[in-house]
Protein backbone atom coordinates (compact mmCIF):
# COMPACT_ATOMS: atom_id res chain seq x y z
CA MET A 1 93.50 125.14 123.27
CA ALA A 2 90.21 124.40 122.52
CA GLN A 3 89.27 122.58 118.89
CA ARG A 4 88.33 125.56 117.43
CA GLN A 5 91.02 127.84 118.67
CA ILE A 6 94.08 125.28 116.78
CA LEU A 7 91.86 125.92 113.96
CA ASP A 8 92.13 129.07 113.78
CA GLN A 9 95.56 129.48 115.18
CA PHE A 10 96.29 127.33 112.22
CA LEU A 11 94.00 129.13 109.36
CA GLN A 12 96.03 132.58 110.74
CA ASP A 13 99.28 130.80 109.96
CA ASN A 14 98.93 129.29 106.66
CA PRO A 15 97.01 132.57 104.92
CA ASP A 16 97.16 130.86 101.59
CA ILE A 17 96.03 127.49 102.50
CA GLU A 18 92.75 126.52 99.60
CA ILE A 19 91.83 123.46 100.17
CA PHE A 20 90.80 120.96 103.19
CA GLU A 21 91.13 117.50 102.74
CA ILE A 22 89.34 115.38 105.37
CA ILE A 23 90.67 111.97 106.00
CA LEU A 24 88.66 109.50 107.04
CA HIS A 25 90.80 105.49 107.47
CA ASP A 26 88.69 102.33 106.56
CA LEU A 27 88.84 99.04 107.47
CA ASN A 28 91.56 99.54 104.81
CA GLY A 29 93.71 101.70 106.03
CA ILE A 30 92.44 103.63 102.92
CA HIS A 31 91.80 107.08 103.26
CA ARG A 32 88.78 108.62 102.44
CA GLY A 33 87.08 111.69 102.58
CA LYS A 34 86.22 115.02 100.77
CA TRP A 35 87.68 118.73 99.46
CA LEU A 36 86.37 121.31 101.29
CA PRO A 37 87.50 124.80 100.33
CA ARG A 38 88.91 126.70 103.19
CA GLU A 39 85.58 128.87 104.26
CA GLN A 40 83.72 125.36 105.27
CA ILE A 41 86.68 123.88 106.70
CA ALA A 42 85.64 125.57 110.63
CA LYS A 43 81.94 123.70 110.08
CA VAL A 44 84.14 120.48 110.76
CA PHE A 45 84.91 121.36 114.05
CA GLU A 46 82.00 122.73 114.73
CA GLY A 47 79.71 118.94 114.38
CA GLY A 48 78.59 119.54 110.39
CA TYR A 49 80.80 117.57 108.81
CA LYS A 50 78.80 114.20 107.78
CA MET A 51 79.64 110.92 106.13
CA PRO A 52 78.39 107.59 105.78
CA GLN A 53 79.00 105.68 108.63
CA SER A 54 79.47 102.95 105.86
CA THR A 55 82.60 104.66 104.49
CA CYS A 56 83.87 103.16 107.26
CA SER A 57 83.79 99.47 106.05
CA LEU A 58 84.29 99.84 102.10
CA ASP A 59 86.09 97.36 100.38
CA ALA A 60 89.44 98.08 99.00
CA TRP A 61 87.64 98.40 95.72
CA GLY A 62 85.33 101.52 96.88
CA ARG A 63 82.69 99.25 97.34
CA ASP A 64 79.18 99.35 99.91
CA LEU A 65 78.52 96.08 102.34
CA ASP A 66 74.87 95.98 101.10
CA GLU A 67 74.36 94.46 104.21
CA LEU A 68 74.94 97.01 106.04
CA VAL A 69 73.55 98.60 103.94
CA GLN A 70 70.22 97.46 103.81
CA GLU A 71 70.80 96.67 108.00
CA SER A 72 71.20 101.24 108.67
CA GLY A 73 70.01 102.83 105.83
CA ASP A 74 73.50 103.53 104.75
CA ALA A 75 73.24 106.47 107.65
CA ASP A 76 74.93 108.90 108.12
CA GLY A 77 77.60 110.02 111.11
CA VAL A 78 79.62 113.17 112.56
CA CYS A 79 82.84 113.25 112.35
CA THR A 80 84.64 114.70 114.51
CA ALA A 81 88.10 116.96 113.93
CA HIS A 82 91.24 116.45 115.48
CA PRO A 83 92.79 119.18 114.92
CA GLU A 84 96.37 117.88 116.58
CA THR A 85 96.64 116.49 112.87
CA LEU A 86 96.46 119.81 110.87
CA ALA A 87 99.30 119.73 108.44
CA ARG A 88 99.98 121.48 105.18
CA VAL A 89 100.16 118.65 102.20
CA PRO A 90 103.84 119.53 100.00
CA TRP A 91 102.43 117.68 96.75
CA ALA A 92 98.84 119.16 96.69
CA ASP A 93 99.04 121.62 93.34
CA LYS A 94 97.37 124.16 95.31
CA PRO A 95 97.83 125.33 99.17
CA THR A 96 96.04 122.72 100.70
CA ALA A 97 95.86 120.93 104.12
CA GLN A 98 95.28 118.49 105.84
CA VAL A 99 93.19 116.69 109.11
CA ILE A 100 92.50 113.74 109.69
CA VAL A 101 88.87 112.73 111.31
CA SER A 102 86.89 109.78 112.77
CA MET A 103 83.48 109.04 112.52
CA GLY A 104 80.65 109.06 115.22
CA SER A 105 76.66 108.35 115.56
CA PHE A 106 74.11 110.40 113.23
CA GLY A 107 73.74 112.85 116.24
CA GLY A 108 77.12 112.88 117.30
CA ASP A 109 77.22 112.06 120.68
CA GLN A 110 78.77 108.72 120.21
CA PRO A 111 81.96 107.20 118.31
CA TYR A 112 81.14 104.47 116.01
CA ALA A 113 82.35 100.68 116.59
CA GLY A 114 83.68 100.48 113.30
CA ASP A 115 85.96 103.16 112.96
CA PRO A 116 89.77 102.29 113.30
CA ARG A 117 90.56 104.85 115.56
CA VAL A 118 87.67 104.51 118.20
CA VAL A 119 88.85 100.86 118.12
CA LEU A 120 92.08 101.50 118.87
CA GLN A 121 91.27 103.89 121.14
CA THR A 122 89.11 101.53 123.05
CA VAL A 123 91.80 99.97 123.14
CA LEU A 124 93.99 103.08 125.53
CA ASP A 125 90.84 103.60 127.26
CA ARG A 126 91.20 100.50 129.34
CA TYR A 127 94.94 101.41 129.93
CA ALA A 128 94.76 104.28 130.92
CA LYS A 129 91.73 102.71 133.55
CA LEU A 130 94.98 100.92 134.81
CA GLY A 131 97.04 104.07 134.26
CA LEU A 132 98.88 102.49 131.51
CA ARG A 133 100.04 104.11 129.09
CA PRO A 134 101.60 102.39 125.34
CA VAL A 135 105.00 103.99 123.90
CA VAL A 136 104.89 103.03 120.29
CA ALA A 137 106.72 103.44 116.89
CA SER A 138 106.60 101.56 113.78
CA GLU A 139 108.96 100.42 111.36
CA MET A 140 107.63 99.99 107.91
CA GLU A 141 109.10 98.16 104.68
CA PHE A 142 107.70 99.23 100.92
CA HIS A 143 109.27 98.77 97.18
CA LEU A 144 109.55 101.90 95.04
CA PHE A 145 108.78 101.10 91.40
CA GLU A 146 108.51 103.05 88.22
CA LEU A 147 105.54 104.43 87.30
CA ASP A 148 104.70 102.25 83.82
CA LEU A 149 104.03 98.43 84.16
CA ASP A 150 106.17 95.84 82.15
CA LYS A 151 104.29 94.32 79.10
CA PHE A 152 102.76 91.24 81.09
CA GLY A 153 100.77 93.97 83.88
CA GLN A 154 103.75 93.06 86.51
CA PRO A 155 105.66 96.34 88.53
CA ARG A 156 109.24 97.19 86.85
CA HIS A 157 111.55 97.13 89.79
CA SER A 158 113.10 101.00 90.03
CA GLN A 159 116.51 98.87 90.95
CA ARG A 160 118.45 97.12 88.27
CA ALA A 161 120.78 95.34 87.21
CA GLN A 162 123.55 96.22 83.91
CA ASP A 163 121.58 93.69 81.65
CA GLY A 164 118.17 95.71 82.82
CA SER A 165 116.51 93.05 84.96
CA PRO A 166 115.75 93.23 88.23
CA ALA A 167 118.48 93.82 91.07
CA LEU A 168 119.80 90.37 92.63
CA GLY A 169 119.19 91.61 96.09
CA GLY A 170 118.48 95.04 97.82
CA GLN A 171 122.21 96.05 98.37
CA THR A 172 120.55 96.18 102.86
CA TYR A 173 122.11 99.11 104.42
CA GLY A 174 123.35 100.59 100.81
CA MET A 175 124.86 103.74 100.86
CA ASP A 176 125.40 103.87 97.49
CA THR A 177 121.71 102.49 97.01
CA MET A 178 120.84 104.88 98.98
CA ARG A 179 122.51 108.08 97.29
CA GLU A 180 120.84 106.78 93.57
CA MET A 181 117.71 107.63 95.07
CA ALA A 182 118.82 110.79 96.44
CA PRO A 183 116.34 113.39 95.11
CA LEU A 184 113.47 110.85 95.92
CA MET A 185 114.62 110.17 99.59
CA ASP A 186 115.50 113.81 100.49
CA ALA A 187 111.60 114.89 99.04
CA ILE A 188 109.97 112.19 101.43
CA SER A 189 112.38 113.68 104.42
CA GLU A 190 111.19 117.09 103.80
CA ALA A 191 107.51 116.09 103.39
CA ALA A 192 107.79 114.41 106.61
CA LYS A 193 108.66 117.79 108.63
CA ILE A 194 106.34 119.60 106.66
CA GLN A 195 103.52 117.36 108.54
CA HIS A 196 105.54 117.28 111.28
CA LEU A 197 105.79 113.43 111.19
CA PRO A 198 109.58 112.05 113.28
CA VAL A 199 111.21 110.44 110.78
CA ASP A 200 113.69 108.54 112.57
CA THR A 201 115.81 106.68 109.73
CA LEU A 202 115.94 105.60 105.71
CA ILE A 203 117.31 102.00 104.51
CA SER A 204 117.37 100.67 101.59
CA GLU A 205 116.25 96.60 102.36
CA PHE A 206 117.31 93.67 101.67
CA GLY A 207 115.19 93.54 98.30
CA PRO A 208 115.74 95.26 95.11
CA SER A 209 113.90 98.51 94.81
CA GLN A 210 113.02 97.69 99.11
CA TYR A 211 113.47 100.71 101.12
CA GLU A 212 112.22 101.27 105.05
CA ILE A 213 111.89 103.63 107.13
CA ASN A 214 110.63 104.31 110.64
CA LEU A 215 109.12 107.00 112.59
CA TYR A 216 110.55 108.10 117.00
CA HIS A 217 108.30 106.80 119.33
CA GLN A 218 105.06 108.49 121.35
CA ASP A 219 103.60 107.87 123.92
CA SER A 220 100.24 108.32 122.66
CA ALA A 221 99.66 105.21 120.32
CA MET A 222 97.10 107.35 118.86
CA ARG A 223 99.80 109.60 117.63
CA ALA A 224 102.03 107.09 116.26
CA CYS A 225 99.28 105.74 114.23
CA ASP A 226 98.26 108.69 112.82
CA GLN A 227 102.07 109.61 112.28
CA GLY A 228 101.69 105.98 110.45
CA SER A 229 99.12 106.90 108.29
CA MET A 230 100.13 109.86 107.09
CA LEU A 231 103.52 108.72 106.04
CA LYS A 232 102.82 105.59 103.85
CA ARG A 233 100.37 108.46 102.30
CA ALA A 234 102.97 111.26 102.04
CA ILE A 235 105.57 107.87 100.80
CA ARG A 236 102.85 107.86 98.01
CA ASN A 237 102.00 110.46 96.69
CA VAL A 238 105.99 111.98 97.14
CA ALA A 239 107.27 108.83 94.79
CA ARG A 240 104.13 109.48 92.73
CA SER A 241 105.62 112.91 92.20
CA HIS A 242 109.22 111.53 91.58
CA ASN A 243 107.20 109.23 88.45
CA LYS A 244 107.50 106.37 91.02
CA VAL A 245 105.30 104.24 93.10
CA ALA A 246 105.69 103.61 96.50
CA SER A 247 104.39 100.45 97.25
CA PHE A 248 103.43 98.58 101.00
CA MET A 249 101.62 95.49 99.72
CA ALA A 250 102.58 92.17 101.25
CA LYS A 251 104.27 90.27 98.46
CA PRO A 252 104.39 92.03 94.96
CA PHE A 253 106.94 89.18 93.88
CA ALA A 254 106.45 85.31 94.80
CA GLU A 255 110.37 85.00 94.59
CA GLN A 256 111.44 88.10 96.50
CA VAL A 257 110.97 89.39 100.22
CA GLY A 258 108.12 91.07 101.14
CA ASN A 259 107.10 94.43 103.40
CA GLY A 260 106.73 94.10 106.68
CA MET A 261 105.75 96.89 109.07
CA HIS A 262 106.90 95.80 113.07
CA ILE A 263 106.00 97.57 115.75
CA HIS A 264 107.34 98.56 118.86
CA PHE A 265 105.57 99.67 122.35
CA SER A 266 106.06 99.56 126.21
CA LEU A 267 104.41 101.13 128.96
CA ILE A 268 105.17 103.75 130.84
CA ASP A 269 102.85 103.98 133.95
CA ASP A 270 101.14 107.56 135.22
CA ASN A 271 105.36 108.59 136.66
CA GLY A 272 106.76 108.03 133.14
CA GLU A 273 108.48 104.53 134.13
CA ASN A 274 108.38 101.96 132.08
CA VAL A 275 107.06 99.00 133.50
CA PHE A 276 108.55 96.70 131.33
CA ASP A 277 112.46 97.41 133.44
CA ASN A 278 113.69 96.08 136.30
CA GLY A 279 117.09 96.76 135.93
CA THR A 280 117.75 93.23 134.16
CA ASP A 281 118.10 92.14 130.64
CA ALA A 282 115.24 89.53 131.47
CA GLY A 283 112.61 92.69 132.11
CA SER A 284 109.79 92.87 134.03
CA PRO A 285 107.06 89.82 135.07
CA LEU A 286 104.68 91.96 133.74
CA LEU A 287 106.84 92.35 130.39
CA ARG A 288 106.14 88.99 130.53
CA HIS A 289 102.70 88.97 130.59
CA ALA A 290 102.53 91.12 127.60
CA VAL A 291 104.17 88.84 125.74
CA ALA A 292 102.59 86.41 126.40
CA GLY A 293 98.92 88.15 125.41
CA CYS A 294 100.95 88.49 122.38
CA LEU A 295 101.38 85.19 121.75
CA ALA A 296 97.53 83.95 123.29
CA THR A 297 95.96 85.89 120.86
CA MET A 298 98.25 86.00 117.76
CA THR A 299 96.23 83.39 115.92
CA ASP A 300 93.02 85.19 116.82
CA SER A 301 94.76 88.10 115.50
CA MET A 302 95.95 87.26 112.00
CA ALA A 303 93.09 88.30 110.39
CA ILE A 304 94.33 91.78 111.17
CA PHE A 305 97.84 91.41 110.83
CA ALA A 306 97.29 89.68 107.86
CA PRO A 307 94.58 91.64 105.83
CA ASN A 308 94.16 90.75 101.89
CA ILE A 309 94.87 87.80 99.74
CA ASN A 310 98.30 88.64 99.26
CA SER A 311 99.54 89.27 102.75
CA TYR A 312 99.72 85.48 102.86
CA ARG A 313 102.08 84.70 100.64
CA ARG A 314 104.78 86.25 102.28
CA MET A 315 103.82 84.08 105.23
CA VAL A 316 106.24 80.93 104.08
CA PRO A 317 110.00 80.41 105.02
CA GLY A 318 113.00 82.00 104.29
CA CYS A 319 111.05 85.22 103.99
CA TYR A 320 111.71 86.57 107.18
CA ALA A 321 107.70 86.95 108.80
CA PRO A 322 107.21 84.75 111.38
CA LEU A 323 105.25 81.02 111.14
CA ALA A 324 104.01 80.79 114.26
CA PRO A 325 103.98 82.80 117.83
CA ASN A 326 107.10 82.59 119.87
CA TRP A 327 108.90 85.45 121.11
CA GLY A 328 113.12 85.71 122.19
CA TYR A 329 115.18 88.44 123.09
CA GLU A 330 117.09 89.97 120.40
CA ASN A 331 116.27 87.17 117.27
CA ARG A 332 114.85 88.95 114.52
CA THR A 333 113.84 85.15 113.94
CA THR A 334 110.81 85.13 116.58
CA ALA A 335 107.24 86.91 116.50
CA ILE A 336 107.81 88.86 119.01
CA ARG A 337 111.76 90.27 119.58
CA ILE A 338 113.04 92.21 122.79
CA PRO A 339 115.12 94.18 121.36
CA GLY A 340 119.01 94.77 123.06
CA GLY A 341 119.84 98.02 124.42
CA ASP A 342 119.49 100.51 127.61
CA HIS A 343 117.36 98.38 130.27
CA ARG A 344 114.75 102.33 130.41
CA ALA A 345 113.97 101.67 126.76
CA ILE A 346 112.69 97.70 126.91
CA ARG A 347 110.21 97.02 124.78
CA VAL A 348 108.31 94.35 122.71
CA GLU A 349 108.82 94.27 119.08
CA HIS A 350 105.64 93.05 116.68
CA ARG A 351 106.86 91.61 113.98
CA VAL A 352 103.91 89.60 112.03
CA ALA A 353 102.05 92.30 110.34
CA GLY A 354 102.58 93.50 107.22
CA ALA A 355 102.73 96.97 105.54
CA ASP A 356 99.73 96.52 104.07
CA ALA A 357 98.81 96.14 107.17
CA ASN A 358 95.93 98.68 108.93
CA VAL A 359 97.79 100.44 111.29
CA TYR A 360 95.35 101.36 113.70
CA LEU A 361 93.72 97.84 113.90
CA THR A 362 97.36 96.61 113.94
CA VAL A 363 98.28 97.85 116.92
CA ALA A 364 94.54 97.91 118.11
CA ALA A 365 95.31 94.58 118.42
CA MET A 366 98.25 94.05 120.15
CA LEU A 367 98.21 96.32 122.01
CA ALA A 368 94.88 94.39 123.48
CA GLY A 369 96.61 91.29 122.77
CA ALA A 370 99.33 92.48 125.09
CA LEU A 371 96.95 93.08 127.32
CA TYR A 372 94.96 90.86 127.96
CA GLY A 373 98.73 89.04 128.65
CA ILE A 374 98.09 91.13 131.29
CA GLU A 375 94.30 91.09 133.26
CA GLN A 376 95.00 87.27 132.66
CA LYS A 377 98.59 87.48 134.29
CA LEU A 378 99.61 84.19 131.79
CA ALA A 379 102.68 83.49 131.93
CA ALA A 380 105.56 83.02 128.30
CA PRO A 381 106.77 80.70 127.67
CA ASP A 382 110.39 79.74 127.08
CA ALA A 383 112.34 82.28 125.09
CA VAL A 384 113.28 81.14 121.82
CA VAL A 385 117.30 80.85 121.23
CA GLY A 386 118.75 80.69 117.81
CA ASP A 387 117.24 79.96 114.71
CA ALA A 388 112.86 79.80 115.48
CA GLY A 389 112.65 78.75 111.90
CA ASP A 390 112.43 75.05 112.07
CA VAL A 391 108.70 74.86 113.84
CA GLU A 392 106.07 74.13 112.55
CA ALA A 393 103.82 76.63 111.26
CA VAL A 394 100.75 76.87 113.62
CA LEU A 395 99.79 80.85 113.24
CA PRO A 396 97.14 80.31 109.85
CA HIS A 397 98.45 80.41 106.63
CA PHE A 398 95.62 81.11 104.24
CA TRP A 399 92.75 83.98 104.14
CA GLN A 400 90.10 81.49 104.89
CA ASP A 401 91.65 80.09 108.28
CA ALA A 402 92.37 84.05 109.88
CA LEU A 403 88.80 84.64 108.37
CA ALA A 404 87.67 81.73 110.79
CA VAL A 405 89.08 82.10 113.61
CA PHE A 406 89.11 85.87 113.20
CA GLU A 407 85.05 85.54 113.12
CA GLN A 408 84.62 83.06 116.69
CA SER A 409 86.81 84.88 118.49
CA ASP A 410 85.99 85.33 121.85
CA PHE A 411 89.11 88.22 121.97
CA ILE A 412 87.98 90.15 119.07
CA ARG A 413 84.82 90.83 120.54
CA ASP A 414 85.79 91.57 123.93
CA TYR A 415 89.29 93.51 123.36
CA LEU A 416 88.33 95.51 119.50
CA GLY A 417 84.50 95.15 119.58
CA ALA A 418 81.61 93.49 117.77
CA GLU A 419 81.11 96.14 115.43
CA LEU A 420 84.04 95.76 114.22
CA GLN A 421 84.76 91.77 114.34
CA LYS A 422 81.47 91.99 112.35
CA THR A 423 82.28 94.70 109.28
CA PHE A 424 85.58 93.09 108.71
CA ALA A 425 84.78 89.81 108.29
CA LEU A 426 81.85 91.15 105.89
CA CYS A 427 84.19 93.40 104.27
CA LYS A 428 86.65 90.85 103.74
CA ARG A 429 84.94 88.06 102.91
CA LYS A 430 83.33 89.91 100.18
CA GLU A 431 86.82 90.61 98.99
CA LYS A 432 87.50 87.02 98.83
CA GLN A 433 84.46 86.33 97.16
CA GLU A 434 85.86 88.48 93.83
CA PHE A 435 88.81 86.82 94.62
CA ASP A 436 88.27 83.50 94.12
CA SER A 437 85.70 84.28 91.87
CA ARG A 438 88.04 85.56 89.63
CA VAL A 439 89.89 83.00 86.68
CA THR A 440 93.80 83.67 86.55
CA LEU A 441 96.49 84.09 83.92
CA LEU A 442 97.86 81.38 85.81
CA GLU A 443 94.84 79.03 84.93
CA TYR A 444 95.13 79.90 81.57
CA ASP A 445 98.47 78.81 81.25
CA ALA A 446 97.84 75.78 83.29
CA TYR A 447 94.24 74.50 81.53
CA LEU A 448 93.77 76.59 77.58
């Protein structure tokens, strides 16, 4: 069905919709865009919707990158609408719908290589040339805080002990804990259903006020990322309507566990067969090539997996965040885990990224790494047996180190593109400069 036909059908099925939210993803995964009245939505599907290309590279506070603006004159690009992402917005006050767009050139004939969604599509196109299609699913951890901050400006836990202090733990898999949050969790599930987001499981996690939500796997990596991004948006908005703040911040509290985003993937061929499966627990040689590629490119991609200054607070021993590029079978202490179970569903679980990472770029970097290993026929090292914690931390442990590797990486340039490499590095350097130039409360405590 043509794009305009899908839109017309949606309008016919939803005659009450008054407003459309047009959603573009920037490098941070922040949703940018505009609200349009119903009578103007058709022009979005006819190639008449423009935004500055620099919108894709706004920093965390929504500021332009001066270098890019001066270089391009802040030129507009034509956005392409993706009709399969049309959905109602159940938390809006007025009848509202949403649709995801991706950035193109001024003439609209070429996708813009600095758009995270376009970067992912470029990687998927390379897989298609090999007759392979990734199957992807995501798991995301998040915190639920009270709406108001405490007197020190810090978030307040929604899960508390009898004396009012934060709960000692999150009651991992606790049914009573989930029941206490039932109205909010039910609302999240209902919003996901309305938005066609296939939620698999929702559990309480290890830390106080921490939860995890999983999505069913999809045989389209793009669809999986669209769903992951829109689910984060739904959780945030539904939580706010229940007077809570849903946070995907990587490490809200230094003394407690952080939020990760685990990505599962396998590869299927033109016959729909999982090429990682060879009927054994070990998996096929192609699986080991993919694992080897993920490990070989993990350091280069770390700036994407841990994109913010806070991301590296999570990369410390004892916080369930991988510190080295290693792998193992059914081993949750490694960066790459091969879950057990049915051979036909054998897959890779990539456990490095924080929940604050851009899901499109995370999946693009992860799949690109696997593709690199497959194309180069890399050999994976021995799988780790037992606790992988007692290894030297060889992944970048600081933001500066990760950015330095990212900027010089041939892998990033060749697989994710020179435009993405340039704009992402500029964006993160600008954010880092802001943090580096601020005087913190800890400095006052130490030196005032």
